[in-house]
């Protein structure tokens, strides 16, 4: 019989591994060492008297007992989060802000918001993709995220509020010895026939792959097939170097050794960046984030659409909308 006071931390560890089916990714998601995560899973298995995961060198899978536990654990964690929120003032808890990738526009917004509201704890997360992060926002496991909101399903979008942040010009990350790397800018017509990676197969970033597919279809660019999901910059760099394909990115994407970043032109394809959050959130940190977006966008022209640019109409419409 399980202990009546099972530590929510153990359930949180279990849910992370059950959803990721990968101990390294689950540990990164929880910001803990993999050894500590494994220790928590073993402790939970001892308390329950059940094996929860089947581990091989290649994969992690759930046992029947784990399948039965997963919805129950989620309900317990949701109730625990609700209890904490009910007896805390809005500023008493950290606001969990998903930046997707560090060192880009969302990180600048967070940095300015921290200056505007130093009394608030704004905690950065890096969940890599709005498709996955939006579900986490709706479930209350994240508070705010950034990305292409037009790529979300209508049911998910209905539970969110949005604020346009920036029209981000797209770019392409090229191996330094690629024939196009010698150009200062790459016309879309120059990419015709090229195979370009845009996250195909990564369910977390489906909104980005869908946008790339719309763009590539107009200029006969080939969408690269799925690549192994890379966790961390070093792994991403290694996998991309092995495949040798150019990578679709945005103009502010961090540089990687052995590559060059070139802006795309004629036309300038745009990545529409929006900030999204769950309806009903009341937190001074969110107010600071919205103020930071407005301030930076006005100062740097983030919401001025470049002339002769490309953006689907569904994205254009949402970029004019502010909840």
Foldseek 3Di string as FASTA:
>chain_A
DADPCPDLVLLLLLLLCQVVQDLVRSCQQVVHDSVVSVVSPVVRCVRVVHRAWDDDPVTIHGDPVNVVCNVVSLVVVLVVVVVVVVPDDQQRDEAEEEEQDPDDDLNQLLVQLCVVCVSHHHHYGHPHAPQVVLVCQQSVVHFKYKFQPLLYDPVSVVQKFKAWFFWFFKKKKAQCPDPCNVDQAAELLNQAPAEEEFQAPPSRHVSRVVQVVVSCVVNNHHHHHHWPDADDPVRVVVRCVVVRGMYMGTPRDDDDPRIDIHTYPPPGETTTMMMMGGPPRDHVSVVSSVVSSVVVCVVPVRLPDDPRYDDDPSSVVVNVDGD
